[in-house]
Amino acid sequence: PKVKEMGVQIIYLNWMDAEDQKLFEETKYDQLIQTANFIHEGLQKGEGVLVHCAQGKSRSTSALLSYIMAARKSNLSDSLAFVKSKRSLAQPNANFMKQLKEFEESSELEALRKSLGATK
């Protein structure tokens, strides 16, 4: 895309809004961790970060939740409530919620929180 020529950094997640879609590619949680790191790095540089999908409801919300849960040391429920306070129709599908709940309870999320220097 032409935006890359302008220096815009892009991360593309090939997620379908489907009940069998995994939120990881090679290792469990890899894309959630990659996304959280990408958002964090942009914000640390003082840059804006745009997270979007076709409907702005399930996939983009799932990506954003990975960052919020990590950076704010927030649980899934509180993170989703925060996102919904900004975008009321935000709601990951049931499959994504199940995976995000598993991520919430994982050692990978705890390690990510430490690497981001998360504070509550």
PDB file of N, CA and C in Angstrom:
ATOM      1  N   PRO A   1       0.813  -1.204   0.000  1.00  0.00           N
ATOM      2  CA  PRO A   1       0.000   0.000   0.000  1.00  0.00           C
ATOM      3  C   PRO A   1       0.856   1.268   0.000  1.00  0.00           C
ATOM      4  N   LYS A   2       0.302   2.328  -0.528  1.00  0.00           N
ATOM      5  CA  LYS A   2       1.017   3.604  -0.597  1.00  0.00           C
ATOM      6  C   LYS A   2       1.345   4.166   0.779  1.00  0.00           C
ATOM      7  N   VAL A   3       0.561   3.838   1.777  1.00  0.00           N
ATOM      8  CA  VAL A   3       0.838   4.366   3.109  1.00  0.00           C
ATOM      9  C   VAL A   3       2.181   3.877   3.629  1.00  0.00           C
ATOM     10  N   LYS A   4       2.601   2.685   3.224  1.00  0.00           N
ATOM     11  CA  LYS A   4       3.911   2.186   3.639  1.00  0.00           C
ATOM     12  C   LYS A   4       5.017   3.085   3.100  1.00  0.00           C
ATOM     13  N   GLU A   5       4.828   3.598   1.902  1.00  0.00           N
ATOM     14  CA  GLU A   5       5.806   4.509   1.308  1.00  0.00           C
ATOM     15  C   GLU A   5       5.903   5.803   2.110  1.00  0.00           C
ATOM     16  N   MET A   6       4.870   6.112   2.871  1.00  0.00           N
ATOM     17  CA  MET A   6       4.846   7.326   3.691  1.00  0.00           C
ATOM     18  C   MET A   6       5.398   7.063   5.091  1.00  0.00           C
ATOM     19  N   GLY A   7       5.865   5.858   5.335  1.00  0.00           N
ATOM     20  CA  GLY A   7       6.434   5.526   6.636  1.00  0.00           C
ATOM     21  C   GLY A   7       5.448   4.969   7.642  1.00  0.00           C
ATOM     22  N   VAL A   8       4.236   4.692   7.214  1.00  0.00           N
ATOM     23  CA  VAL A   8       3.238   4.129   8.114  1.00  0.00           C
ATOM     24  C   VAL A   8       3.560   2.649   8.328  1.00  0.00           C
ATOM     25  N   GLN A   9       3.610   2.252   9.581  1.00  0.00           N
ATOM     26  CA  GLN A   9       3.860   0.856   9.928  1.00  0.00           C
ATOM     27  C   GLN A   9       2.527   0.110   9.952  1.00  0.00           C
ATOM     28  N   ILE A  10       2.515  -1.088   9.398  1.00  0.00           N
ATOM     29  CA  ILE A  10       1.278  -1.866   9.317  1.00  0.00           C
ATOM     30  C   ILE A  10       1.524  -3.279   9.829  1.00  0.00           C
ATOM     31  N   ILE A  11       0.588  -3.751  10.612  1.00  0.00           N
ATOM     32  CA  ILE A  11       0.570  -5.162  10.982  1.00  0.00           C
ATOM     33  C   ILE A  11      -0.749  -5.701  10.441  1.00  0.00           C
ATOM     34  N   TYR A  12      -0.679  -6.805   9.744  1.00  0.00           N
ATOM     35  CA  TYR A  12      -1.875  -7.390   9.151  1.00  0.00           C
ATOM     36  C   TYR A  12      -2.112  -8.753   9.778  1.00  0.00           C
ATOM     37  N   LEU A  13      -3.268  -8.944  10.341  1.00  0.00           N
ATOM     38  CA  LEU A  13      -3.651 -10.214  10.938  1.00  0.00           C
ATOM     39  C   LEU A  13      -4.690 -10.859  10.032  1.00  0.00           C
ATOM     40  N   ASN A  14      -4.392 -12.001   9.539  1.00  0.00           N
ATOM     41  CA  ASN A  14      -5.274 -12.680   8.596  1.00  0.00           C
ATOM     42  C   ASN A  14      -6.349 -13.473   9.350  1.00  0.00           C
ATOM     43  N   TRP A  15      -7.138 -12.754  10.138  1.00  0.00           N
ATOM     44  CA  TRP A  15      -8.192 -13.372  10.930  1.00  0.00           C
ATOM     45  C   TRP A  15      -9.525 -13.220  10.213  1.00  0.00           C
ATOM     46  N   MET A  16     -10.274 -14.294  10.199  1.00  0.00           N
ATOM     47  CA  MET A  16     -11.649 -14.262   9.715  1.00  0.00           C
ATOM     48  C   MET A  16     -12.552 -14.237  10.950  1.00  0.00           C
ATOM     49  N   ASP A  17     -13.670 -13.573  10.847  1.00  0.00           N
ATOM     50  CA  ASP A  17     -14.608 -13.523  11.970  1.00  0.00           C
ATOM     51  C   ASP A  17     -15.428 -14.807  11.941  1.00  0.00           C
ATOM     52  N   ALA A  18     -14.775 -15.899  12.347  1.00  0.00           N
ATOM     53  CA  ALA A  18     -15.384 -17.218  12.234  1.00  0.00           C
ATOM     54  C   ALA A  18     -15.205 -17.999  13.535  1.00  0.00           C
ATOM     55  N   GLU A  19     -16.090 -18.925  13.756  1.00  0.00           N
ATOM     56  CA  GLU A  19     -16.074 -19.710  14.991  1.00  0.00           C
ATOM     57  C   GLU A  19     -14.912 -20.696  15.081  1.00  0.00           C
ATOM     58  N   ASP A  20     -14.184 -20.913  13.994  1.00  0.00           N
ATOM     59  CA  ASP A  20     -13.031 -21.819  14.048  1.00  0.00           C
ATOM     60  C   ASP A  20     -11.699 -21.085  13.865  1.00  0.00           C
ATOM     61  N   GLN A  21     -11.721 -19.756  13.852  1.00  0.00           N
ATOM     62  CA  GLN A  21     -10.504 -18.958  13.651  1.00  0.00           C
ATOM     63  C   GLN A  21      -9.652 -18.942  14.914  1.00  0.00           C
ATOM     64  N   LYS A  22      -8.380 -19.252  14.762  1.00  0.00           N
ATOM     65  CA  LYS A  22      -7.436 -19.172  15.872  1.00  0.00           C
ATOM     66  C   LYS A  22      -6.800 -17.788  15.880  1.00  0.00           C
ATOM     67  N   LEU A  23      -6.572 -17.250  17.064  1.00  0.00           N
ATOM     68  CA  LEU A  23      -5.935 -15.940  17.204  1.00  0.00           C
ATOM     69  C   LEU A  23      -4.421 -16.086  17.343  1.00  0.00           C
ATOM     70  N   PHE A  24      -3.903 -17.129  16.752  1.00  0.00           N
ATOM     71  CA  PHE A  24      -2.463 -17.336  16.715  1.00  0.00           C
ATOM     72  C   PHE A  24      -2.104 -18.006  15.401  1.00  0.00           C
ATOM     73  N   GLU A  25      -0.811 -17.929  15.063  1.00  0.00           N
ATOM     74  CA  GLU A  25      -0.372 -18.471  13.789  1.00  0.00           C
ATOM     75  C   GLU A  25       0.497 -19.706  13.989  1.00  0.00           C
ATOM     76  N   GLU A  26       1.643 -19.528  14.640  1.00  0.00           N
ATOM     77  CA  GLU A  26       2.573 -20.640  14.816  1.00  0.00           C
ATOM     78  C   GLU A  26       2.558 -21.187  16.238  1.00  0.00           C
ATOM     79  N   THR A  27       2.622 -20.302  17.210  1.00  0.00           N
ATOM     80  CA  THR A  27       2.586 -20.724  18.608  1.00  0.00           C
ATOM     81  C   THR A  27       1.427 -20.017  19.295  1.00  0.00           C
ATOM     82  N   LYS A  28       0.892 -20.662  20.311  1.00  0.00           N
ATOM     83  CA  LYS A  28      -0.281 -20.114  20.987  1.00  0.00           C
ATOM     84  C   LYS A  28      -0.023 -18.689  21.457  1.00  0.00           C
ATOM     85  N   TYR A  29      -0.935 -17.818  21.152  1.00  0.00           N
ATOM     86  CA  TYR A  29      -0.940 -16.402  21.535  1.00  0.00           C
ATOM     87  C   TYR A  29       0.072 -15.552  20.775  1.00  0.00           C
ATOM     88  N   ASP A  30       0.798 -16.101  19.802  1.00  0.00           N
ATOM     89  CA  ASP A  30       1.842 -15.315  19.129  1.00  0.00           C
ATOM     90  C   ASP A  30       1.301 -14.043  18.482  1.00  0.00           C
ATOM     91  N   GLN A  31       0.133 -14.110  17.854  1.00  0.00           N
ATOM     92  CA  GLN A  31      -0.389 -12.912  17.200  1.00  0.00           C
ATOM     93  C   GLN A  31      -0.978 -11.915  18.200  1.00  0.00           C
ATOM     94  N   LEU A  32      -1.506 -12.387  19.302  1.00  0.00           N
ATOM     95  CA  LEU A  32      -1.976 -11.469  20.344  1.00  0.00           C
ATOM     96  C   LEU A  32      -0.788 -10.725  20.952  1.00  0.00           C
ATOM     97  N   ILE A  33       0.292 -11.439  21.190  1.00  0.00           N
ATOM     98  CA  ILE A  33       1.502 -10.826  21.748  1.00  0.00           C
ATOM     99  C   ILE A  33       2.114  -9.858  20.741  1.00  0.00           C
ATOM    100  N   GLN A  34       2.203 -10.285  19.488  1.00  0.00           N
ATOM    101  CA  GLN A  34       2.750  -9.430  18.428  1.00  0.00           C
ATOM    102  C   GLN A  34       1.936  -8.139  18.309  1.00  0.00           C
ATOM    103  N   THR A  35       0.630  -8.261  18.361  1.00  0.00           N
ATOM    104  CA  THR A  35      -0.248  -7.097  18.246  1.00  0.00           C
ATOM    105  C   THR A  35      -0.076  -6.149  19.431  1.00  0.00           C
ATOM    106  N   ALA A  36      -0.054  -6.699  20.630  1.00  0.00           N
ATOM    107  CA  ALA A  36       0.125  -5.863  21.821  1.00  0.00           C
ATOM    108  C   ALA A  36       1.460  -5.129  21.762  1.00  0.00           C
ATOM    109  N   ASN A  37       2.515  -5.822  21.356  1.00  0.00           N
ATOM    110  CA  ASN A  37       3.833  -5.183  21.233  1.00  0.00           C
ATOM    111  C   ASN A  37       3.825  -4.089  20.175  1.00  0.00           C
ATOM    112  N   PHE A  38       3.157  -4.339  19.062  1.00  0.00           N
ATOM    113  CA  PHE A  38       3.077  -3.369  17.970  1.00  0.00           C
ATOM    114  C   PHE A  38       2.383  -2.085  18.440  1.00  0.00           C
ATOM    115  N   ILE A  39       1.254  -2.243  19.100  1.00  0.00           N
ATOM    116  CA  ILE A  39       0.513  -1.084  19.608  1.00  0.00           C
ATOM    117  C   ILE A  39       1.358  -0.340  20.639  1.00  0.00           C
ATOM    118  N   HIS A  40       1.958  -1.086  21.547  1.00  0.00           N
ATOM    119  CA  HIS A  40       2.767  -0.476  22.606  1.00  0.00           C
ATOM    120  C   HIS A  40       3.933   0.328  22.029  1.00  0.00           C
ATOM    121  N   GLU A  41       4.630  -0.255  21.071  1.00  0.00           N
ATOM    122  CA  GLU A  41       5.776   0.438  20.465  1.00  0.00           C
ATOM    123  C   GLU A  41       5.350   1.743  19.802  1.00  0.00           C
ATOM    124  N   GLY A  42       4.239   1.717  19.091  1.00  0.00           N
ATOM    125  CA  GLY A  42       3.744   2.938  18.456  1.00  0.00           C
ATOM    126  C   GLY A  42       3.404   4.011  19.467  1.00  0.00           C
ATOM    127  N   LEU A  43       2.712   3.626  20.518  1.00  0.00           N
ATOM    128  CA  LEU A  43       2.330   4.593  21.546  1.00  0.00           C
ATOM    129  C   LEU A  43       3.545   5.120  22.301  1.00  0.00           C
ATOM    130  N   GLN A  44       4.529   4.262  22.545  1.00  0.00           N
ATOM    131  CA  GLN A  44       5.749   4.697  23.234  1.00  0.00           C
ATOM    132  C   GLN A  44       6.509   5.736  22.417  1.00  0.00           C
ATOM    133  N   LYS A  45       6.397   5.661  21.105  1.00  0.00           N
ATOM    134  CA  LYS A  45       7.051   6.628  20.214  1.00  0.00           C
ATOM    135  C   LYS A  45       6.217   7.903  20.066  1.00  0.00           C
ATOM    136  N   GLY A  46       5.058   7.936  20.699  1.00  0.00           N
ATOM    137  CA  GLY A  46       4.182   9.094  20.583  1.00  0.00           C
ATOM    138  C   GLY A  46       3.394   9.115  19.290  1.00  0.00           C
ATOM    139  N   GLU A  47       3.313   7.980  18.645  1.00  0.00           N
ATOM    140  CA  GLU A  47       2.588   7.886  17.375  1.00  0.00           C
ATOM    141  C   GLU A  47       1.140   7.473  17.625  1.00  0.00           C
ATOM    142  N   GLY A  48       0.294   7.775  16.677  1.00  0.00           N
ATOM    143  CA  GLY A  48      -1.076   7.297  16.720  1.00  0.00           C
ATOM    144  C   GLY A  48      -1.118   5.854  16.254  1.00  0.00           C
ATOM    145  N   VAL A  49      -2.076   5.114  16.743  1.00  0.00           N
ATOM    146  CA  VAL A  49      -2.249   3.721  16.345  1.00  0.00           C
ATOM    147  C   VAL A  49      -3.709   3.524  15.959  1.00  0.00           C
ATOM    148  N   LEU A  50      -3.935   3.039  14.763  1.00  0.00           N
ATOM    149  CA  LEU A  50      -5.284   2.746  14.274  1.00  0.00           C
ATOM    150  C   LEU A  50      -5.462   1.237  14.241  1.00  0.00           C
ATOM    151  N   VAL A  51      -6.499   0.760  14.894  1.00  0.00           N
ATOM    152  CA  VAL A  51      -6.830  -0.663  14.888  1.00  0.00           C
ATOM    153  C   VAL A  51      -8.196  -0.774  14.230  1.00  0.00           C
ATOM    154  N   HIS A  52      -8.284  -1.555  13.162  1.00  0.00           N
ATOM    155  CA  HIS A  52      -9.581  -1.661  12.496  1.00  0.00           C
ATOM    156  C   HIS A  52      -9.771  -3.023  11.850  1.00  0.00           C
ATOM    157  N   CYS A  53     -11.015  -3.317  11.559  1.00  0.00           N
ATOM    158  CA  CYS A  53     -11.406  -4.486  10.770  1.00  0.00           C
ATOM    159  C   CYS A  53     -12.638  -4.061   9.968  1.00  0.00           C
ATOM    160  N   ALA A  54     -13.230  -4.972   9.259  1.00  0.00           N
ATOM    161  CA  ALA A  54     -14.336  -4.627   8.366  1.00  0.00           C
ATOM    162  C   ALA A  54     -15.522  -4.002   9.104  1.00  0.00           C
ATOM    163  N   GLN A  55     -15.884  -4.553  10.252  1.00  0.00           N
ATOM    164  CA  GLN A  55     -17.050  -4.054  10.977  1.00  0.00           C
ATOM    165  C   GLN A  55     -16.699  -3.280  12.243  1.00  0.00           C
ATOM    166  N   GLY A  56     -15.452  -3.340  12.669  1.00  0.00           N
ATOM    167  CA  GLY A  56     -15.067  -2.656  13.901  1.00  0.00           C
ATOM    168  C   GLY A  56     -15.737  -3.234  15.128  1.00  0.00           C
ATOM    169  N   LYS A  57     -15.964  -4.537  15.097  1.00  0.00           N
ATOM    170  CA  LYS A  57     -16.730  -5.157  16.169  1.00  0.00           C
ATOM    171  C   LYS A  57     -15.973  -6.294  16.859  1.00  0.00           C
ATOM    172  N   SER A  58     -15.517  -7.268  16.117  1.00  0.00           N
ATOM    173  CA  SER A  58     -14.979  -8.487  16.719  1.00  0.00           C
ATOM    174  C   SER A  58     -13.457  -8.603  16.603  1.00  0.00           C
ATOM    175  N   ARG A  59     -12.947  -8.587  15.379  1.00  0.00           N
ATOM    176  CA  ARG A  59     -11.507  -8.795  15.181  1.00  0.00           C
ATOM    177  C   ARG A  59     -10.675  -7.646  15.729  1.00  0.00           C
ATOM    178  N   SER A  60     -11.042  -6.425  15.395  1.00  0.00           N
ATOM    179  CA  SER A  60     -10.266  -5.278  15.891  1.00  0.00           C
ATOM    180  C   SER A  60     -10.367  -5.179  17.407  1.00  0.00           C
ATOM    181  N   THR A  61     -11.526  -5.477  17.951  1.00  0.00           N
ATOM    182  CA  THR A  61     -11.690  -5.454  19.403  1.00  0.00           C
ATOM    183  C   THR A  61     -10.801  -6.501  20.058  1.00  0.00           C
ATOM    184  N   SER A  62     -10.732  -7.679  19.477  1.00  0.00           N
ATOM    185  CA  SER A  62      -9.881  -8.740  20.024  1.00  0.00           C
ATOM    186  C   SER A  62      -8.422  -8.324  20.024  1.00  0.00           C
ATOM    187  N   ALA A  63      -7.979  -7.714  18.932  1.00  0.00           N
ATOM    188  CA  ALA A  63      -6.596  -7.242  18.851  1.00  0.00           C
ATOM    189  C   ALA A  63      -6.331  -6.186  19.917  1.00  0.00           C
ATOM    190  N   LEU A  64      -7.240  -5.246  20.055  1.00  0.00           N
ATOM    191  CA  LEU A  64      -7.077  -4.174  21.033  1.00  0.00           C
ATOM    192  C   LEU A  64      -7.102  -4.708  22.464  1.00  0.00           C
ATOM    193  N   LEU A  65      -7.952  -5.680  22.722  1.00  0.00           N
ATOM    194  CA  LEU A  65      -8.032  -6.252  24.067  1.00  0.00           C
ATOM    195  C   LEU A  65      -6.714  -6.885  24.490  1.00  0.00           C
ATOM    196  N   SER A  66      -5.992  -7.485  23.548  1.00  0.00           N
ATOM    197  CA  SER A  66      -4.700  -8.086  23.902  1.00  0.00           C
ATOM    198  C   SER A  66      -3.765  -7.023  24.460  1.00  0.00           C
ATOM    199  N   TYR A  67      -3.791  -5.839  23.873  1.00  0.00           N
ATOM    200  CA  TYR A  67      -2.944  -4.746  24.352  1.00  0.00           C
ATOM    201  C   TYR A  67      -3.434  -4.207  25.698  1.00  0.00           C
ATOM    202  N   ILE A  68      -4.708  -3.946  25.812  1.00  0.00           N
ATOM    203  CA  ILE A  68      -5.237  -3.352  27.040  1.00  0.00           C
ATOM    204  C   ILE A  68      -5.028  -4.286  28.230  1.00  0.00           C
ATOM    205  N   MET A  69      -5.286  -5.578  28.035  1.00  0.00           N
ATOM    206  CA  MET A  69      -5.085  -6.525  29.134  1.00  0.00           C
ATOM    207  C   MET A  69      -3.625  -6.537  29.571  1.00  0.00           C
ATOM    208  N   ALA A  70      -2.712  -6.412  28.619  1.00  0.00           N
ATOM    209  CA  ALA A  70      -1.285  -6.437  28.946  1.00  0.00           C
ATOM    210  C   ALA A  70      -0.820  -5.122  29.546  1.00  0.00           C
ATOM    211  N   ALA A  71      -1.074  -4.025  28.871  1.00  0.00           N
ATOM    212  CA  ALA A  71      -0.520  -2.730  29.275  1.00  0.00           C
ATOM    213  C   ALA A  71      -1.132  -2.192  30.564  1.00  0.00           C
ATOM    214  N   ARG A  72      -2.397  -2.507  30.790  1.00  0.00           N
ATOM    215  CA  ARG A  72      -3.086  -1.977  31.975  1.00  0.00           C
ATOM    216  C   ARG A  72      -3.228  -3.006  33.093  1.00  0.00           C
ATOM    217  N   LYS A  73      -2.679  -4.188  32.881  1.00  0.00           N
ATOM    218  CA  LYS A  73      -2.854  -5.291  33.842  1.00  0.00           C
ATOM    219  C   LYS A  73      -4.333  -5.466  34.168  1.00  0.00           C
ATOM    220  N   SER A  74      -5.129  -5.396  33.154  1.00  0.00           N
ATOM    221  CA  SER A  74      -6.579  -5.428  33.298  1.00  0.00           C
ATOM    222  C   SER A  74      -7.104  -6.808  32.919  1.00  0.00           C
ATOM    223  N   ASN A  75      -8.184  -7.227  33.569  1.00  0.00           N
ATOM    224  CA  ASN A  75      -8.774  -8.502  33.171  1.00  0.00           C
ATOM    225  C   ASN A  75      -9.619  -8.305  31.910  1.00  0.00           C
ATOM    226  N   LEU A  76     -10.040  -9.398  31.336  1.00  0.00           N
ATOM    227  CA  LEU A  76     -10.782  -9.347  30.077  1.00  0.00           C
ATOM    228  C   LEU A  76     -12.088  -8.573  30.221  1.00  0.00           C
ATOM    229  N   SER A  77     -12.817  -8.825  31.280  1.00  0.00           N
ATOM    230  CA  SER A  77     -14.110  -8.167  31.475  1.00  0.00           C
ATOM    231  C   SER A  77     -13.966  -6.647  31.580  1.00  0.00           C
ATOM    232  N   ASP A  78     -13.025  -6.198  32.393  1.00  0.00           N
ATOM    233  CA  ASP A  78     -12.812  -4.757  32.551  1.00  0.00           C
ATOM    234  C   ASP A  78     -12.278  -4.127  31.268  1.00  0.00           C
ATOM    235  N   SER A  79     -11.411  -4.858  30.573  1.00  0.00           N
ATOM    236  CA  SER A  79     -10.857  -4.349  29.312  1.00  0.00           C
ATOM    237  C   SER A  79     -11.956  -4.176  28.278  1.00  0.00           C
ATOM    238  N   LEU A  80     -12.841  -5.168  28.183  1.00  0.00           N
ATOM    239  CA  LEU A  80     -13.941  -5.087  27.227  1.00  0.00           C
ATOM    240  C   LEU A  80     -14.898  -3.957  27.604  1.00  0.00           C
ATOM    241  N   ALA A  81     -15.163  -3.789  28.876  1.00  0.00           N
ATOM    242  CA  ALA A  81     -16.037  -2.692  29.316  1.00  0.00           C
ATOM    243  C   ALA A  81     -15.434  -1.346  28.922  1.00  0.00           C
ATOM    244  N   PHE A  82     -14.116  -1.209  29.060  1.00  0.00           N
ATOM    245  CA  PHE A  82     -13.449   0.031  28.669  1.00  0.00           C
ATOM    246  C   PHE A  82     -13.613   0.276  27.170  1.00  0.00           C
ATOM    247  N   VAL A  83     -13.365  -0.757  26.361  1.00  0.00           N
ATOM    248  CA  VAL A  83     -13.499  -0.607  24.905  1.00  0.00           C
ATOM    249  C   VAL A  83     -14.940  -0.267  24.549  1.00  0.00           C
ATOM    250  N   LYS A  84     -15.903  -0.953  25.172  1.00  0.00           N
ATOM    251  CA  LYS A  84     -17.318  -0.681  24.890  1.00  0.00           C
ATOM    252  C   LYS A  84     -17.720   0.737  25.290  1.00  0.00           C
ATOM    253  N   SER A  85     -17.039   1.307  26.282  1.00  0.00           N
ATOM    254  CA  SER A  85     -17.349   2.686  26.667  1.00  0.00           C
ATOM    255  C   SER A  85     -16.939   3.666  25.570  1.00  0.00           C
ATOM    256  N   LYS A  86     -16.046   3.235  24.695  1.00  0.00           N
ATOM    257  CA  LYS A  86     -15.589   4.062  23.575  1.00  0.00           C
ATOM    258  C   LYS A  86     -16.282   3.683  22.265  1.00  0.00           C
ATOM    259  N   ARG A  87     -16.626   2.399  22.133  1.00  0.00           N
ATOM    260  CA  ARG A  87     -17.290   1.890  20.925  1.00  0.00           C
ATOM    261  C   ARG A  87     -18.297   0.835  21.369  1.00  0.00           C
ATOM    262  N   SER A  88     -19.535   1.239  21.506  1.00  0.00           N
ATOM    263  CA  SER A  88     -20.555   0.394  22.129  1.00  0.00           C
ATOM    264  C   SER A  88     -20.808  -0.925  21.405  1.00  0.00           C
ATOM    265  N   LEU A  89     -20.594  -0.983  20.108  1.00  0.00           N
ATOM    266  CA  LEU A  89     -20.872  -2.229  19.395  1.00  0.00           C
ATOM    267  C   LEU A  89     -19.710  -3.213  19.435  1.00  0.00           C
ATOM    268  N   ALA A  90     -18.622  -2.858  20.094  1.00  0.00           N
ATOM    269  CA  ALA A  90     -17.471  -3.760  20.198  1.00  0.00           C
ATOM    270  C   ALA A  90     -17.877  -5.040  20.919  1.00  0.00           C
ATOM    271  N   GLN A  91     -17.640  -6.180  20.280  1.00  0.00           N
ATOM    272  CA  GLN A  91     -17.956  -7.467  20.901  1.00  0.00           C
ATOM    273  C   GLN A  91     -17.301  -8.598  20.116  1.00  0.00           C
ATOM    274  N   PRO A  92     -16.202  -9.134  20.619  1.00  0.00           N
ATOM    275  CA  PRO A  92     -15.606 -10.291  19.950  1.00  0.00           C
ATOM    276  C   PRO A  92     -16.601 -11.450  19.906  1.00  0.00           C
ATOM    277  N   ASN A  93     -16.506 -12.262  18.862  1.00  0.00           N
ATOM    278  CA  ASN A  93     -17.387 -13.422  18.780  1.00  0.00           C
ATOM    279  C   ASN A  93     -17.054 -14.401  19.909  1.00  0.00           C
ATOM    280  N   ALA A  94     -17.912 -15.382  20.128  1.00  0.00           N
ATOM    281  CA  ALA A  94     -17.758 -16.317  21.252  1.00  0.00           C
ATOM    282  C   ALA A  94     -16.431 -17.067  21.194  1.00  0.00           C
ATOM    283  N   ASN A  95     -16.009 -17.453  20.010  1.00  0.00           N
ATOM    284  CA  ASN A  95     -14.734 -18.149  19.841  1.00  0.00           C
ATOM    285  C   ASN A  95     -13.567 -17.264  20.265  1.00  0.00           C
ATOM    286  N   PHE A  96     -13.574 -16.014  19.838  1.00  0.00           N
ATOM    287  CA  PHE A  96     -12.500 -15.093  20.204  1.00  0.00           C
ATOM    288  C   PHE A  96     -12.511 -14.835  21.713  1.00  0.00           C
ATOM    289  N   MET A  97     -13.698 -14.697  22.293  1.00  0.00           N
ATOM    290  CA  MET A  97     -13.790 -14.473  23.739  1.00  0.00           C
ATOM    291  C   MET A  97     -13.202 -15.652  24.509  1.00  0.00           C
ATOM    292  N   LYS A  98     -13.467 -16.851  24.033  1.00  0.00           N
ATOM    293  CA  LYS A  98     -12.914 -18.046  24.690  1.00  0.00           C
ATOM    294  C   LYS A  98     -11.389 -18.006  24.653  1.00  0.00           C
ATOM    295  N   GLN A  99     -10.830 -17.671  23.492  1.00  0.00           N
ATOM    296  CA  GLN A  99      -9.376 -17.612  23.366  1.00  0.00           C
ATOM    297  C   GLN A  99      -8.785 -16.467  24.191  1.00  0.00           C
ATOM    298  N   LEU A 100      -9.463 -15.340  24.227  1.00  0.00           N
ATOM    299  CA  LEU A 100      -8.993 -14.213  25.034  1.00  0.00           C
ATOM    300  C   LEU A 100      -9.050 -14.545  26.524  1.00  0.00           C
ATOM    301  N   LYS A 101     -10.055 -15.291  26.935  1.00  0.00           N
ATOM    302  CA  LYS A 101     -10.153 -15.724  28.335  1.00  0.00           C
ATOM    303  C   LYS A 101      -8.982 -16.644  28.671  1.00  0.00           C
ATOM    304  N   GLU A 102      -8.648 -17.550  27.774  1.00  0.00           N
ATOM    305  CA  GLU A 102      -7.493 -18.430  27.981  1.00  0.00           C
ATOM    306  C   GLU A 102      -6.208 -17.606  28.048  1.00  0.00           C
ATOM    307  N   PHE A 103      -6.101 -16.604  27.179  1.00  0.00           N
ATOM    308  CA  PHE A 103      -4.936 -15.720  27.171  1.00  0.00           C
ATOM    309  C   PHE A 103      -4.835 -14.970  28.499  1.00  0.00           C
ATOM    310  N   GLU A 104      -5.981 -14.516  29.003  1.00  0.00           N
ATOM    311  CA  GLU A 104      -6.023 -13.780  30.271  1.00  0.00           C
ATOM    312  C   GLU A 104      -5.398 -14.595  31.402  1.00  0.00           C
ATOM    313  N   GLU A 105      -5.563 -15.893  31.364  1.00  0.00           N
ATOM    314  CA  GLU A 105      -5.100 -16.773  32.435  1.00  0.00           C
ATOM    315  C   GLU A 105      -3.730 -17.387  32.150  1.00  0.00           C
ATOM    316  N   SER A 106      -3.075 -16.944  31.092  1.00  0.00           N
ATOM    317  CA  SER A 106      -1.830 -17.583  30.652  1.00  0.00           C
ATOM    318  C   SER A 106      -0.569 -16.953  31.236  1.00  0.00           C
ATOM    319  N   SER A 107       0.465 -17.752  31.290  1.00  0.00           N
ATOM    320  CA  SER A 107       1.783 -17.242  31.694  1.00  0.00           C
ATOM    321  C   SER A 107       2.340 -16.323  30.612  1.00  0.00           C
ATOM    322  N   GLU A 108       1.905 -16.510  29.378  1.00  0.00           N
ATOM    323  CA  GLU A 108       2.350 -15.647  28.284  1.00  0.00           C
ATOM    324  C   GLU A 108       1.886 -14.206  28.485  1.00  0.00           C
ATOM    325  N   LEU A 109       0.658 -14.031  28.963  1.00  0.00           N
ATOM    326  CA  LEU A 109       0.175 -12.674  29.233  1.00  0.00           C
ATOM    327  C   LEU A 109       0.964 -12.058  30.381  1.00  0.00           C
ATOM    328  N   GLU A 110       1.236 -12.835  31.402  1.00  0.00           N
ATOM    329  CA  GLU A 110       2.009 -12.311  32.533  1.00  0.00           C
ATOM    330  C   GLU A 110       3.397 -11.875  32.075  1.00  0.00           C
ATOM    331  N   ALA A 111       4.033 -12.666  31.221  1.00  0.00           N
ATOM    332  CA  ALA A 111       5.358 -12.305  30.689  1.00  0.00           C
ATOM    333  C   ALA A 111       5.267 -11.045  29.831  1.00  0.00           C
ATOM    334  N   LEU A 112       4.203 -10.940  29.039  1.00  0.00           N
ATOM    335  CA  LEU A 112       4.003  -9.755  28.201  1.00  0.00           C
ATOM    336  C   LEU A 112       3.828  -8.514  29.072  1.00  0.00           C
ATOM    337  N   ARG A 113       3.059  -8.626  30.125  1.00  0.00           N
ATOM    338  CA  ARG A 113       2.870  -7.499  31.043  1.00  0.00           C
ATOM    339  C   ARG A 113       4.210  -7.018  31.594  1.00  0.00           C
ATOM    340  N   LYS A 114       5.056  -7.947  31.975  1.00  0.00           N
ATOM    341  CA  LYS A 114       6.380  -7.586  32.501  1.00  0.00           C
ATOM    342  C   LYS A 114       7.222  -6.912  31.433  1.00  0.00           C
ATOM    343  N   SER A 115       7.182  -7.447  30.215  1.00  0.00           N
ATOM    344  CA  SER A 115       8.004  -6.869  29.141  1.00  0.00           C
ATOM    345  C   SER A 115       7.545  -5.464  28.757  1.00  0.00           C
ATOM    346  N   LEU A 116       6.255  -5.181  28.935  1.00  0.00           N
ATOM    347  CA  LEU A 116       5.728  -3.848  28.625  1.00  0.00           C
ATOM    348  C   LEU A 116       5.860  -2.892  29.806  1.00  0.00           C
ATOM    349  N   GLY A 117       6.265  -3.413  30.952  1.00  0.00           N
ATOM    350  CA  GLY A 117       6.330  -2.572  32.143  1.00  0.00           C
ATOM    351  C   GLY A 117       4.951  -2.136  32.586  1.00  0.00           C
ATOM    352  N   ALA A 118       3.993  -3.040  32.479  1.00  0.00           N
ATOM    353  CA  ALA A 118       2.586  -2.724  32.763  1.00  0.00           C
ATOM    354  C   ALA A 118       2.385  -2.258  34.193  1.00  0.00           C
ATOM    355  N   THR A 119       1.492  -1.299  34.323  1.00  0.00           N
ATOM    356  CA  THR A 119       1.092  -0.805  35.644  1.00  0.00           C
ATOM    357  C   THR A 119      -0.421  -0.781  35.709  1.00  0.00           C
ATOM    358  N   LYS A 120      -0.943  -0.852  36.900  1.00  0.00           N
ATOM    359  CA  LYS A 120      -2.400  -0.819  37.047  1.00  0.00           C
ATOM    360  C   LYS A 120      -2.872   0.539  37.453  1.00  0.00           C
TER     361      LYS A 120
END
